N, C-alpha and C. Protein backbone atom coordinates (compact mmCIF):
# COMPACT_ATOMS: atom_id res chain seq x y z
N MET A 1 1.06 34.13 -63.26
CA MET A 1 0.92 33.20 -62.00
C MET A 1 0.08 33.91 -61.23
N SER A 2 -1.01 33.53 -60.88
CA SER A 2 -1.56 34.60 -60.17
C SER A 2 -1.28 34.57 -58.82
N LYS A 3 -2.15 35.58 -58.27
CA LYS A 3 -1.44 35.65 -56.92
C LYS A 3 -1.36 35.13 -55.50
N VAL A 4 -2.48 33.75 -55.56
CA VAL A 4 -2.83 33.00 -55.06
C VAL A 4 -1.45 31.91 -55.03
N ARG A 5 -1.43 31.65 -56.21
CA ARG A 5 -0.16 30.65 -56.31
C ARG A 5 0.98 31.30 -56.44
N LYS A 6 1.26 32.63 -56.57
CA LYS A 6 2.44 33.14 -55.81
C LYS A 6 2.63 33.32 -54.27
N GLY A 7 1.68 33.14 -53.48
CA GLY A 7 1.44 33.70 -51.94
C GLY A 7 2.07 31.67 -52.03
N VAL A 8 1.65 30.84 -52.34
CA VAL A 8 1.86 30.04 -52.11
C VAL A 8 3.45 28.98 -52.20
N TYR A 9 4.00 29.81 -53.52
CA TYR A 9 5.78 29.55 -53.43
C TYR A 9 6.13 30.04 -53.02
N SER A 10 5.93 31.21 -52.75
CA SER A 10 6.58 32.58 -50.87
C SER A 10 6.50 31.97 -50.19
N PHE A 11 5.38 30.79 -49.45
CA PHE A 11 5.37 30.44 -48.85
C PHE A 11 6.14 29.02 -48.23
N LEU A 12 5.87 28.27 -49.47
CA LEU A 12 6.83 27.44 -49.78
C LEU A 12 8.63 27.28 -49.55
N ARG A 13 8.73 28.29 -50.37
CA ARG A 13 9.90 28.67 -50.40
C ARG A 13 10.61 29.11 -49.12
N GLY A 14 9.86 30.18 -48.07
CA GLY A 14 10.54 30.45 -47.02
C GLY A 14 10.54 32.00 -46.84
N SER A 15 10.17 32.50 -48.00
CA SER A 15 10.93 33.86 -48.40
C SER A 15 9.56 34.74 -46.96
N PHE A 16 8.79 33.96 -46.33
CA PHE A 16 8.11 34.87 -45.15
C PHE A 16 8.84 35.51 -43.66
N LEU A 17 10.17 34.13 -43.57
CA LEU A 17 10.89 34.16 -42.68
C LEU A 17 12.41 35.22 -43.52
N THR A 18 12.27 35.87 -44.79
CA THR A 18 13.92 36.30 -45.06
C THR A 18 13.38 37.78 -45.46
N ASP A 19 12.06 37.96 -45.59
CA ASP A 19 11.19 39.49 -45.90
C ASP A 19 11.98 40.53 -45.03
N GLU A 20 11.67 41.62 -45.32
CA GLU A 20 11.52 42.94 -44.85
C GLU A 20 10.47 42.79 -43.20
N SER A 21 9.81 42.01 -43.11
CA SER A 21 8.78 41.88 -42.25
C SER A 21 8.76 40.96 -41.26
N ALA A 22 10.18 40.25 -41.20
CA ALA A 22 10.51 38.79 -41.11
C ALA A 22 10.67 38.52 -39.37
N PHE A 23 10.97 40.23 -38.80
CA PHE A 23 11.44 39.89 -37.27
C PHE A 23 9.99 39.42 -36.88
N LYS A 24 8.32 40.34 -37.19
CA LYS A 24 7.07 40.21 -36.86
C LYS A 24 6.77 38.65 -36.89
N ASN A 25 7.22 38.28 -37.90
CA ASN A 25 7.37 36.80 -38.38
C ASN A 25 8.14 36.09 -37.40
N TRP A 26 9.19 36.09 -37.08
CA TRP A 26 9.90 35.45 -35.95
C TRP A 26 8.77 35.64 -35.01
N ARG A 27 9.08 36.67 -34.59
CA ARG A 27 8.11 36.38 -33.05
C ARG A 27 7.14 35.80 -33.16
N ILE A 28 6.39 35.44 -34.25
CA ILE A 28 4.82 34.76 -33.72
C ILE A 28 5.57 33.52 -33.75
N ILE A 29 6.38 32.75 -34.55
CA ILE A 29 6.45 31.62 -35.10
C ILE A 29 7.21 30.91 -33.43
N ILE A 30 8.05 32.04 -32.71
CA ILE A 30 8.65 32.12 -31.24
C ILE A 30 7.28 31.34 -30.60
N PHE A 31 6.62 32.31 -30.40
CA PHE A 31 5.31 32.20 -30.01
C PHE A 31 4.71 31.23 -29.76
N VAL A 32 4.12 31.06 -30.77
CA VAL A 32 3.67 29.17 -30.84
C VAL A 32 4.14 28.57 -30.79
N MET A 33 5.99 28.45 -30.89
CA MET A 33 6.33 27.22 -30.84
C MET A 33 6.63 27.11 -29.28
N PHE A 34 6.78 27.75 -28.74
CA PHE A 34 6.12 28.11 -27.28
C PHE A 34 5.74 27.56 -26.38
N LEU A 35 4.06 28.20 -27.18
CA LEU A 35 2.71 27.38 -26.67
C LEU A 35 2.81 26.03 -27.14
N MET A 36 3.20 25.52 -28.25
CA MET A 36 3.54 24.17 -28.25
C MET A 36 4.01 23.07 -27.24
N LEU A 37 5.18 23.79 -26.81
CA LEU A 37 6.22 23.29 -25.58
C LEU A 37 5.48 23.46 -24.33
N ILE A 38 5.10 24.11 -24.16
CA ILE A 38 3.69 24.30 -22.82
C ILE A 38 2.62 22.99 -23.21
N ILE A 39 1.92 23.54 -23.73
CA ILE A 39 1.29 22.35 -24.44
C ILE A 39 1.27 20.81 -24.42
N ILE A 40 2.13 20.22 -24.84
CA ILE A 40 2.95 18.68 -24.88
C ILE A 40 3.73 18.42 -23.62
N TYR A 41 4.33 20.20 -22.36
CA TYR A 41 4.65 19.23 -21.22
C TYR A 41 3.39 18.87 -20.70
N SER A 42 2.46 19.61 -20.42
CA SER A 42 1.11 19.68 -19.88
C SER A 42 0.58 18.15 -19.77
N SER A 43 0.75 17.80 -21.18
CA SER A 43 0.18 16.77 -21.51
C SER A 43 0.80 15.14 -20.54
N HIS A 44 2.24 15.79 -20.87
CA HIS A 44 2.99 14.33 -20.80
C HIS A 44 2.94 14.65 -18.84
N SER A 45 2.61 15.48 -18.81
CA SER A 45 2.65 15.25 -17.07
C SER A 45 1.29 15.20 -16.80
N ALA A 46 -0.08 15.36 -17.08
CA ALA A 46 -1.64 14.56 -16.67
C ALA A 46 -0.95 13.41 -17.24
N GLU A 47 -0.55 12.82 -18.17
CA GLU A 47 -0.15 11.57 -18.25
C GLU A 47 0.70 10.39 -17.12
N ARG A 48 1.48 11.55 -17.05
CA ARG A 48 1.92 10.52 -15.57
C ARG A 48 1.77 10.39 -14.77
N LYS A 49 0.37 11.69 -14.07
CA LYS A 49 -0.64 11.48 -13.02
C LYS A 49 -0.94 10.45 -13.32
N VAL A 50 -1.79 10.16 -14.46
CA VAL A 50 -3.30 8.59 -14.60
C VAL A 50 -2.38 7.99 -14.86
N PHE A 51 -1.09 7.74 -14.69
CA PHE A 51 -0.34 5.81 -14.45
C PHE A 51 0.12 6.32 -13.02
N GLU A 52 -0.04 7.63 -12.00
CA GLU A 52 0.46 7.36 -11.34
C GLU A 52 -1.16 6.52 -9.98
N ILE A 53 -2.13 7.51 -10.74
CA ILE A 53 -3.53 7.50 -9.77
C ILE A 53 -3.99 5.81 -10.05
N SER A 54 -3.34 5.37 -11.84
CA SER A 54 -3.85 3.98 -11.88
C SER A 54 -2.92 2.95 -10.82
N GLU A 55 -1.45 3.24 -10.95
CA GLU A 55 -0.70 2.45 -9.67
C GLU A 55 -1.32 2.93 -7.96
N LEU A 56 -1.78 3.69 -7.43
CA LEU A 56 -1.69 3.91 -6.35
C LEU A 56 -3.33 3.23 -6.02
N ASN A 57 -4.10 3.14 -6.84
CA ASN A 57 -5.69 2.26 -7.19
C ASN A 57 -5.61 1.34 -7.12
N LYS A 58 -4.18 0.76 -7.98
CA LYS A 58 -3.82 -1.06 -7.91
C LYS A 58 -3.12 -1.32 -6.19
N LYS A 59 -2.57 -0.52 -5.77
CA LYS A 59 -2.00 -0.96 -4.48
C LYS A 59 -3.37 -0.67 -3.32
N LYS A 60 -3.98 -0.15 -3.54
CA LYS A 60 -5.01 0.29 -2.31
C LYS A 60 -5.78 -0.68 -2.55
N ARG A 61 -6.02 -1.44 -3.60
CA ARG A 61 -7.20 -2.56 -4.04
C ARG A 61 -6.29 -3.89 -2.95
N GLU A 62 -4.91 -3.93 -3.59
CA GLU A 62 -4.25 -5.14 -2.53
C GLU A 62 -4.60 -4.56 -0.98
N LEU A 63 -4.18 -3.26 -0.50
CA LEU A 63 -3.83 -3.14 0.79
C LEU A 63 -5.14 -3.89 1.39
N ARG A 64 -7.09 -3.14 0.39
CA ARG A 64 -8.35 -4.13 0.84
C ARG A 64 -8.38 -5.41 1.29
N ALA A 65 -7.53 -5.61 0.37
CA ALA A 65 -7.71 -7.16 0.11
C ALA A 65 -6.99 -7.88 1.15
N GLU A 66 -5.75 -7.44 1.84
CA GLU A 66 -4.99 -7.94 2.48
C GLU A 66 -5.45 -7.46 3.68
N TYR A 67 -6.55 -6.07 4.03
CA TYR A 67 -7.25 -6.09 5.23
C TYR A 67 -8.55 -6.94 5.72
N VAL A 68 -9.33 -7.63 4.69
CA VAL A 68 -10.20 -8.14 4.59
C VAL A 68 -9.29 -9.34 5.26
N ASP A 69 -8.50 -10.00 4.90
CA ASP A 69 -8.00 -11.37 5.21
C ASP A 69 -7.37 -11.49 5.97
N THR A 70 -6.91 -10.46 7.11
CA THR A 70 -6.76 -10.44 8.60
C THR A 70 -7.70 -9.92 9.01
N GLY A 71 -8.38 -9.70 8.84
CA GLY A 71 -10.20 -9.34 9.64
C GLY A 71 -10.22 -10.98 9.70
N THR A 72 -10.15 -11.30 9.20
CA THR A 72 -10.89 -12.41 8.76
C THR A 72 -10.29 -13.74 9.59
N ILE A 73 -9.18 -13.71 9.22
CA ILE A 73 -8.15 -14.14 10.67
C ILE A 73 -8.36 -14.48 11.76
N LEU A 74 -8.58 -12.93 11.94
CA LEU A 74 -8.32 -11.63 13.64
C LEU A 74 -9.79 -12.35 13.83
N MET A 75 -11.33 -12.72 13.31
CA MET A 75 -12.53 -13.27 13.54
C MET A 75 -11.99 -14.63 14.23
N ARG A 76 -11.56 -15.30 13.62
CA ARG A 76 -11.84 -17.19 13.44
C ARG A 76 -10.76 -17.38 14.58
N LEU A 77 -9.79 -16.52 14.89
CA LEU A 77 -8.98 -16.45 15.92
C LEU A 77 -9.96 -15.98 17.74
N LYS A 78 -10.60 -15.41 17.10
CA LYS A 78 -11.71 -14.64 18.60
C LYS A 78 -12.73 -15.51 18.65
N MET A 79 -13.33 -16.33 18.24
CA MET A 79 -14.39 -17.60 18.20
C MET A 79 -14.34 -18.17 19.37
N GLU A 80 -15.03 -18.59 19.97
CA GLU A 80 -14.97 -19.56 21.21
C GLU A 80 -14.11 -20.74 20.99
N SER A 81 -14.74 -21.17 20.19
CA SER A 81 -14.15 -22.51 19.48
C SER A 81 -13.04 -22.79 19.53
N SER A 82 -11.82 -21.77 18.62
CA SER A 82 -10.55 -21.50 18.40
C SER A 82 -9.83 -21.13 19.93
N ILE A 83 -10.73 -20.78 21.14
CA ILE A 83 -9.84 -20.02 22.17
C ILE A 83 -10.56 -21.62 23.00
N ARG A 84 -10.81 -22.26 22.87
CA ARG A 84 -11.16 -23.53 23.90
C ARG A 84 -9.86 -25.10 23.13
N GLU A 85 -9.86 -24.46 22.16
CA GLU A 85 -8.65 -25.63 21.42
C GLU A 85 -7.18 -25.17 21.77
N LYS A 86 -6.74 -23.90 21.43
CA LYS A 86 -5.77 -23.45 22.00
C LYS A 86 -5.54 -23.46 23.78
N ALA A 87 -6.81 -23.32 24.72
CA ALA A 87 -6.49 -23.68 26.27
C ALA A 87 -6.51 -25.05 26.71
N LYS A 88 -7.34 -26.02 25.74
CA LYS A 88 -7.30 -27.27 25.88
C LYS A 88 -5.70 -28.25 25.91
N GLU A 89 -4.35 -27.28 24.77
CA GLU A 89 -3.28 -27.63 24.51
C GLU A 89 -2.69 -27.30 25.44
N ARG A 90 -3.17 -26.12 25.94
CA ARG A 90 -1.92 -25.83 27.23
C ARG A 90 -2.32 -26.51 28.51
N GLY A 91 -3.46 -27.45 28.58
CA GLY A 91 -3.97 -27.98 29.82
C GLY A 91 -5.40 -27.59 30.31
N LEU A 92 -5.13 -26.38 29.64
CA LEU A 92 -6.85 -25.72 30.84
C LEU A 92 -8.12 -25.87 30.13
N LYS A 93 -8.53 -26.09 30.75
CA LYS A 93 -10.54 -26.49 31.02
C LYS A 93 -11.15 -25.63 31.46
N PRO A 94 -12.22 -25.32 31.19
CA PRO A 94 -13.76 -24.86 31.53
C PRO A 94 -13.95 -25.03 33.01
N SER A 95 -14.49 -23.72 32.95
CA SER A 95 -15.17 -24.42 34.75
C SER A 95 -15.87 -24.69 35.26
N GLU A 96 -16.19 -25.34 36.05
CA GLU A 96 -17.61 -26.57 36.19
C GLU A 96 -18.52 -25.33 37.41
N VAL A 97 -17.78 -25.31 37.80
CA VAL A 97 -18.58 -24.25 38.71
C VAL A 97 -18.52 -22.44 38.16
N PRO A 98 -20.11 -21.87 37.75
CA PRO A 98 -19.88 -20.47 37.48
C PRO A 98 -19.47 -19.86 38.47
N PRO A 99 -19.05 -18.47 37.61
CA PRO A 99 -18.48 -17.44 37.94
C PRO A 99 -19.74 -16.86 39.35
N LYS A 100 -18.93 -16.03 40.66
CA LYS A 100 -20.04 -15.45 41.27
C LYS A 100 -19.70 -14.07 40.89
N LYS A 101 -20.35 -13.05 41.49
CA LYS A 101 -20.42 -11.79 41.14
C LYS A 101 -20.13 -11.54 42.14
N ILE A 102 -19.21 -10.20 42.36
CA ILE A 102 -18.70 -9.51 43.36
C ILE A 102 -19.30 -8.38 43.80
N LYS A 103 -20.46 -7.86 44.83
CA LYS A 103 -20.85 -6.20 44.84
C LYS A 103 -19.16 -5.87 45.61
N VAL A 104 -18.84 -4.69 44.76
CA VAL A 104 -18.00 -3.60 46.48
C VAL A 104 -19.15 -2.43 46.59
N THR A 105 -19.87 -2.54 47.63
CA THR A 105 -20.47 -1.15 48.34
C THR A 105 -19.34 -0.53 49.22
N ILE A 106 -19.53 1.10 49.16
CA ILE A 106 -18.84 1.96 49.95
C ILE A 106 -19.76 2.29 50.58
N LYS A 107 -19.21 2.64 52.47
CA LYS A 107 -19.81 2.81 53.29
C LYS A 107 -19.46 4.89 53.47
N ASP A 108 -20.02 5.47 53.43
CA ASP A 108 -19.90 6.65 53.82
C ASP A 108 -18.83 6.44 55.03
């Protein structure tokens, strides 16, 4: 057998984990697994944040639409024609005499 074949067979059998220098291999394997766990955790965390941002954007759009609707309703209520109608329902009517200006003078 060639050296390459022996190396592949020993790797497939897992002899690199049971040799005399296996302690070095285990340390590297544990370190790599630890790094992989950190990568997996950070990707899940980023994904969670993306979903949260998506939900907040959706809520922002809904609140913006509600704000615009409320502003439209308020503008309709502030119109002179709607105020006149409500005043008419209460029995009030516009004055026929124009208002007079009152000037206040202060004497020293």
